[in-house]
Amino acid sequence: MTVSELAKAVGLQVISMPSPDTVIECGYAGDLLSWVMGNAQQGCAWMTIMTNRNIIAVAELIDMACVIVTEGSDIPDDVAALAKEKEINLLATELPTYEMCVQVSRLI
């Protein structure tokens, strides 16, 4: 499943989607950035409540398919701008992290 297909299927809000055809290989959920850096896999859809600039750096470092900010966490304008600048797929949802993980698991 591609990032754009997931966004459409789940009704995700698109913050930045420069690479809509990126294939999601797996999912990962976590909010401790150092843990995510050591354990997330390339091509994953990362579910997190974190919304600081470091999520973009981690997504770029790991080469993630996308970052999905869950639970209605507010994404600051500077983080949205950085995602666009760094060409990171950044999406948002009101769904709890667990529910978003279930959706990703079912769809990919």
N, C-alpha and C. Protein backbone atom coordinates (compact mmCIF):
# COMPACT_ATOMS: atom_id res chain seq x y z
N MET A 1 0.84 -1.17 0.00
CA MET A 1 0.00 0.00 0.00
C MET A 1 0.89 1.24 0.00
N THR A 2 0.48 2.23 -0.76
CA THR A 2 1.24 3.48 -0.81
C THR A 2 0.75 4.45 0.27
N VAL A 3 1.54 5.48 0.50
CA VAL A 3 1.17 6.50 1.48
C VAL A 3 -0.15 7.16 1.09
N SER A 4 -0.31 7.49 -0.18
CA SER A 4 -1.56 8.15 -0.59
C SER A 4 -2.76 7.21 -0.46
N GLU A 5 -2.58 5.94 -0.73
CA GLU A 5 -3.67 4.98 -0.57
C GLU A 5 -4.07 4.85 0.90
N LEU A 6 -3.08 4.82 1.79
CA LEU A 6 -3.38 4.75 3.22
C LEU A 6 -4.11 6.01 3.67
N ALA A 7 -3.62 7.16 3.24
CA ALA A 7 -4.25 8.43 3.62
C ALA A 7 -5.72 8.45 3.21
N LYS A 8 -5.99 7.99 2.01
CA LYS A 8 -7.37 7.98 1.52
C LYS A 8 -8.22 6.95 2.26
N ALA A 9 -7.67 5.76 2.48
CA ALA A 9 -8.42 4.68 3.12
C ALA A 9 -8.81 5.01 4.56
N VAL A 10 -7.94 5.72 5.27
CA VAL A 10 -8.17 5.99 6.68
C VAL A 10 -8.70 7.41 6.91
N GLY A 11 -8.62 8.25 5.89
CA GLY A 11 -9.07 9.63 6.04
C GLY A 11 -8.07 10.49 6.80
N LEU A 12 -6.80 10.29 6.50
CA LEU A 12 -5.76 11.05 7.18
C LEU A 12 -5.66 12.46 6.61
N GLN A 13 -5.32 13.40 7.48
CA GLN A 13 -5.07 14.78 7.05
C GLN A 13 -3.66 14.84 6.49
N VAL A 14 -3.51 15.37 5.29
CA VAL A 14 -2.20 15.49 4.67
C VAL A 14 -1.58 16.82 5.07
N ILE A 15 -0.44 16.76 5.72
CA ILE A 15 0.32 17.94 6.06
C ILE A 15 1.38 18.19 5.00
N SER A 16 2.04 17.11 4.59
CA SER A 16 3.06 17.14 3.54
C SER A 16 3.07 15.78 2.87
N MET A 17 2.95 15.74 1.54
CA MET A 17 3.01 14.47 0.84
C MET A 17 3.74 14.63 -0.50
N PRO A 18 5.05 14.85 -0.43
CA PRO A 18 5.83 15.00 -1.65
C PRO A 18 6.05 13.68 -2.39
N SER A 19 5.88 12.56 -1.68
CA SER A 19 6.11 11.25 -2.28
C SER A 19 4.91 10.33 -2.04
N PRO A 20 3.80 10.61 -2.69
CA PRO A 20 2.57 9.85 -2.43
C PRO A 20 2.64 8.39 -2.83
N ASP A 21 3.53 8.05 -3.74
CA ASP A 21 3.61 6.67 -4.23
C ASP A 21 4.60 5.80 -3.45
N THR A 22 5.15 6.34 -2.36
CA THR A 22 6.05 5.55 -1.52
C THR A 22 5.28 4.39 -0.91
N VAL A 23 5.85 3.19 -1.03
CA VAL A 23 5.21 1.99 -0.50
C VAL A 23 5.53 1.85 0.98
N ILE A 24 4.51 1.58 1.77
CA ILE A 24 4.67 1.34 3.20
C ILE A 24 5.00 -0.13 3.40
N GLU A 25 6.17 -0.39 3.98
CA GLU A 25 6.63 -1.76 4.18
C GLU A 25 6.19 -2.35 5.51
N CYS A 26 6.03 -1.49 6.51
CA CYS A 26 5.66 -1.96 7.85
C CYS A 26 5.20 -0.76 8.67
N GLY A 27 4.79 -1.01 9.89
CA GLY A 27 4.39 0.06 10.79
C GLY A 27 5.28 0.08 12.01
N TYR A 28 5.33 1.24 12.67
CA TYR A 28 6.09 1.37 13.91
C TYR A 28 5.42 2.44 14.76
N ALA A 29 5.32 2.19 16.05
CA ALA A 29 4.74 3.17 16.97
C ALA A 29 5.72 3.42 18.10
N GLY A 30 5.95 4.68 18.39
CA GLY A 30 6.84 5.02 19.48
C GLY A 30 6.98 6.52 19.61
N ASP A 31 7.28 6.97 20.83
CA ASP A 31 7.39 8.39 21.10
C ASP A 31 8.75 8.79 21.68
N LEU A 32 9.59 7.83 22.00
CA LEU A 32 10.93 8.13 22.49
C LEU A 32 11.87 8.12 21.29
N LEU A 33 12.28 9.29 20.87
CA LEU A 33 13.00 9.43 19.60
C LEU A 33 14.24 8.56 19.50
N SER A 34 15.01 8.46 20.56
CA SER A 34 16.22 7.63 20.51
C SER A 34 15.87 6.16 20.31
N TRP A 35 14.75 5.74 20.90
CA TRP A 35 14.30 4.35 20.73
C TRP A 35 13.84 4.12 19.29
N VAL A 36 13.11 5.06 18.77
CA VAL A 36 12.63 4.95 17.39
C VAL A 36 13.83 4.89 16.43
N MET A 37 14.83 5.74 16.65
CA MET A 37 16.02 5.74 15.78
C MET A 37 16.71 4.38 15.78
N GLY A 38 16.70 3.69 16.90
CA GLY A 38 17.37 2.41 17.00
C GLY A 38 16.54 1.22 16.58
N ASN A 39 15.24 1.40 16.42
CA ASN A 39 14.37 0.24 16.19
C ASN A 39 13.45 0.31 14.99
N ALA A 40 13.12 1.49 14.53
CA ALA A 40 12.23 1.60 13.36
C ALA A 40 12.97 1.17 12.11
N GLN A 41 12.21 0.72 11.13
CA GLN A 41 12.80 0.23 9.88
C GLN A 41 12.51 1.18 8.72
N GLN A 42 13.41 1.15 7.77
CA GLN A 42 13.22 1.89 6.53
C GLN A 42 11.88 1.49 5.91
N GLY A 43 11.17 2.46 5.37
CA GLY A 43 9.92 2.18 4.69
C GLY A 43 8.71 2.05 5.61
N CYS A 44 8.88 2.35 6.89
CA CYS A 44 7.77 2.19 7.82
C CYS A 44 6.85 3.40 7.84
N ALA A 45 5.65 3.17 8.31
CA ALA A 45 4.72 4.25 8.68
C ALA A 45 4.87 4.38 10.18
N TRP A 46 5.36 5.53 10.61
CA TRP A 46 5.63 5.76 12.04
C TRP A 46 4.48 6.50 12.67
N MET A 47 3.87 5.91 13.70
CA MET A 47 2.79 6.54 14.44
C MET A 47 3.37 7.11 15.73
N THR A 48 3.10 8.40 15.98
CA THR A 48 3.63 9.06 17.16
C THR A 48 2.74 10.23 17.57
N ILE A 49 2.84 10.61 18.83
CA ILE A 49 2.18 11.83 19.29
C ILE A 49 3.16 13.00 19.30
N MET A 50 4.42 12.73 19.04
CA MET A 50 5.46 13.76 19.05
C MET A 50 5.25 14.72 17.87
N THR A 51 5.48 15.99 18.12
CA THR A 51 5.29 16.97 17.04
C THR A 51 6.41 18.00 16.96
N ASN A 52 7.55 17.71 17.56
CA ASN A 52 8.64 18.67 17.44
C ASN A 52 9.45 18.41 16.17
N ARG A 53 10.35 19.31 15.86
CA ARG A 53 11.14 19.24 14.63
C ARG A 53 11.95 17.95 14.51
N ASN A 54 12.27 17.34 15.63
CA ASN A 54 13.10 16.14 15.60
C ASN A 54 12.41 14.95 14.93
N ILE A 55 11.09 14.95 14.85
CA ILE A 55 10.43 13.83 14.17
C ILE A 55 10.79 13.83 12.68
N ILE A 56 11.00 14.99 12.12
CA ILE A 56 11.37 15.08 10.71
C ILE A 56 12.79 14.56 10.52
N ALA A 57 13.69 14.91 11.42
CA ALA A 57 15.07 14.43 11.35
C ALA A 57 15.13 12.91 11.46
N VAL A 58 14.35 12.34 12.38
CA VAL A 58 14.33 10.89 12.56
C VAL A 58 13.75 10.21 11.31
N ALA A 59 12.68 10.75 10.79
CA ALA A 59 12.07 10.18 9.59
C ALA A 59 13.04 10.20 8.42
N GLU A 60 13.79 11.27 8.30
CA GLU A 60 14.78 11.39 7.22
C GLU A 60 15.93 10.41 7.44
N LEU A 61 16.40 10.30 8.66
CA LEU A 61 17.51 9.41 9.00
C LEU A 61 17.18 7.95 8.69
N ILE A 62 15.97 7.53 9.03
CA ILE A 62 15.54 6.14 8.86
C ILE A 62 15.00 5.88 7.45
N ASP A 63 14.70 6.93 6.71
CA ASP A 63 14.07 6.83 5.39
C ASP A 63 12.70 6.16 5.51
N MET A 64 11.88 6.73 6.39
CA MET A 64 10.54 6.21 6.62
C MET A 64 9.61 6.55 5.46
N ALA A 65 8.60 5.74 5.28
CA ALA A 65 7.60 6.02 4.25
C ALA A 65 6.79 7.25 4.63
N CYS A 66 6.45 7.36 5.92
CA CYS A 66 5.67 8.50 6.39
C CYS A 66 5.67 8.56 7.91
N VAL A 67 5.31 9.72 8.40
CA VAL A 67 5.08 9.93 9.82
C VAL A 67 3.60 10.26 9.97
N ILE A 68 2.94 9.58 10.89
CA ILE A 68 1.53 9.84 11.16
C ILE A 68 1.41 10.33 12.60
N VAL A 69 1.07 11.59 12.75
CA VAL A 69 0.88 12.16 14.08
C VAL A 69 -0.54 11.82 14.52
N THR A 70 -0.63 11.14 15.64
CA THR A 70 -1.91 10.61 16.11
C THR A 70 -2.49 11.44 17.25
N GLU A 71 -3.71 11.07 17.63
CA GLU A 71 -4.40 11.61 18.80
C GLU A 71 -4.65 13.11 18.74
N GLY A 72 -4.68 13.65 17.52
CA GLY A 72 -4.96 15.07 17.36
C GLY A 72 -3.87 16.00 17.87
N SER A 73 -2.66 15.46 18.04
CA SER A 73 -1.55 16.30 18.49
C SER A 73 -1.35 17.44 17.49
N ASP A 74 -1.19 18.64 18.02
CA ASP A 74 -1.06 19.83 17.19
C ASP A 74 0.33 19.89 16.55
N ILE A 75 0.37 19.99 15.23
CA ILE A 75 1.63 20.07 14.50
C ILE A 75 1.95 21.54 14.25
N PRO A 76 3.04 22.02 14.84
CA PRO A 76 3.40 23.43 14.64
C PRO A 76 3.71 23.73 13.17
N ASP A 77 3.49 24.97 12.78
CA ASP A 77 3.73 25.38 11.40
C ASP A 77 5.17 25.15 10.96
N ASP A 78 6.13 25.36 11.87
CA ASP A 78 7.54 25.18 11.49
C ASP A 78 7.86 23.71 11.22
N VAL A 79 7.18 22.81 11.89
CA VAL A 79 7.38 21.38 11.65
C VAL A 79 6.77 20.99 10.30
N ALA A 80 5.60 21.50 10.00
CA ALA A 80 4.98 21.25 8.69
C ALA A 80 5.86 21.79 7.57
N ALA A 81 6.39 22.98 7.75
CA ALA A 81 7.27 23.58 6.74
C ALA A 81 8.54 22.76 6.57
N LEU A 82 9.10 22.27 7.66
CA LEU A 82 10.32 21.46 7.59
C LEU A 82 10.04 20.14 6.87
N ALA A 83 8.88 19.54 7.12
CA ALA A 83 8.52 18.30 6.43
C ALA A 83 8.47 18.52 4.93
N LYS A 84 7.90 19.65 4.53
CA LYS A 84 7.84 19.97 3.10
C LYS A 84 9.23 20.22 2.53
N GLU A 85 10.04 20.95 3.28
CA GLU A 85 11.40 21.25 2.84
C GLU A 85 12.24 19.98 2.69
N LYS A 86 12.12 19.07 3.64
CA LYS A 86 12.91 17.83 3.64
C LYS A 86 12.23 16.71 2.84
N GLU A 87 11.06 17.00 2.27
CA GLU A 87 10.30 16.05 1.47
C GLU A 87 9.94 14.78 2.25
N ILE A 88 9.38 15.01 3.43
CA ILE A 88 8.91 13.93 4.30
C ILE A 88 7.39 13.89 4.24
N ASN A 89 6.84 12.70 4.03
CA ASN A 89 5.39 12.53 4.08
C ASN A 89 4.95 12.64 5.53
N LEU A 90 4.15 13.66 5.82
CA LEU A 90 3.66 13.90 7.18
C LEU A 90 2.14 13.97 7.15
N LEU A 91 1.51 13.11 7.94
CA LEU A 91 0.06 12.99 7.98
C LEU A 91 -0.41 13.12 9.42
N ALA A 92 -1.69 13.36 9.60
CA ALA A 92 -2.23 13.52 10.94
C ALA A 92 -3.60 12.87 11.05
N THR A 93 -3.94 12.49 12.29
CA THR A 93 -5.24 11.89 12.56
C THR A 93 -5.65 12.17 13.99
N GLU A 94 -6.95 12.15 14.22
CA GLU A 94 -7.50 12.25 15.57
C GLU A 94 -7.52 10.88 16.25
N LEU A 95 -7.32 9.82 15.48
CA LEU A 95 -7.37 8.47 16.05
C LEU A 95 -6.30 8.27 17.12
N PRO A 96 -6.60 7.48 18.14
CA PRO A 96 -5.57 7.10 19.09
C PRO A 96 -4.47 6.30 18.39
N THR A 97 -3.29 6.33 18.94
CA THR A 97 -2.16 5.62 18.32
C THR A 97 -2.50 4.14 18.09
N TYR A 98 -3.08 3.50 19.09
CA TYR A 98 -3.43 2.09 18.95
C TYR A 98 -4.35 1.85 17.76
N GLU A 99 -5.39 2.66 17.64
CA GLU A 99 -6.34 2.49 16.54
C GLU A 99 -5.68 2.71 15.19
N MET A 100 -4.77 3.66 15.12
CA MET A 100 -4.06 3.90 13.86
C MET A 100 -3.17 2.71 13.53
N CYS A 101 -2.54 2.15 14.53
CA CYS A 101 -1.71 0.95 14.31
C CYS A 101 -2.55 -0.22 13.78
N VAL A 102 -3.75 -0.37 14.34
CA VAL A 102 -4.64 -1.43 13.86
C VAL A 102 -4.98 -1.21 12.39
N GLN A 103 -5.27 0.02 12.02
CA GLN A 103 -5.60 0.34 10.62
C GLN A 103 -4.42 0.03 9.70
N VAL A 104 -3.24 0.45 10.09
CA VAL A 104 -2.05 0.19 9.26
C VAL A 104 -1.82 -1.31 9.14
N SER A 105 -1.95 -2.01 10.24
CA SER A 105 -1.75 -3.47 10.23
C SER A 105 -2.73 -4.17 9.29
N ARG A 106 -3.96 -3.73 9.29
CA ARG A 106 -4.98 -4.33 8.42
C ARG A 106 -4.76 -4.02 6.95
N LEU A 107 -4.24 -2.84 6.67
CA LEU A 107 -4.18 -2.38 5.30
C LEU A 107 -2.87 -2.70 4.56
N ILE A 108 -1.78 -2.81 5.29
CA ILE A 108 -0.54 -3.09 4.58
C ILE A 108 -0.30 -4.58 4.59
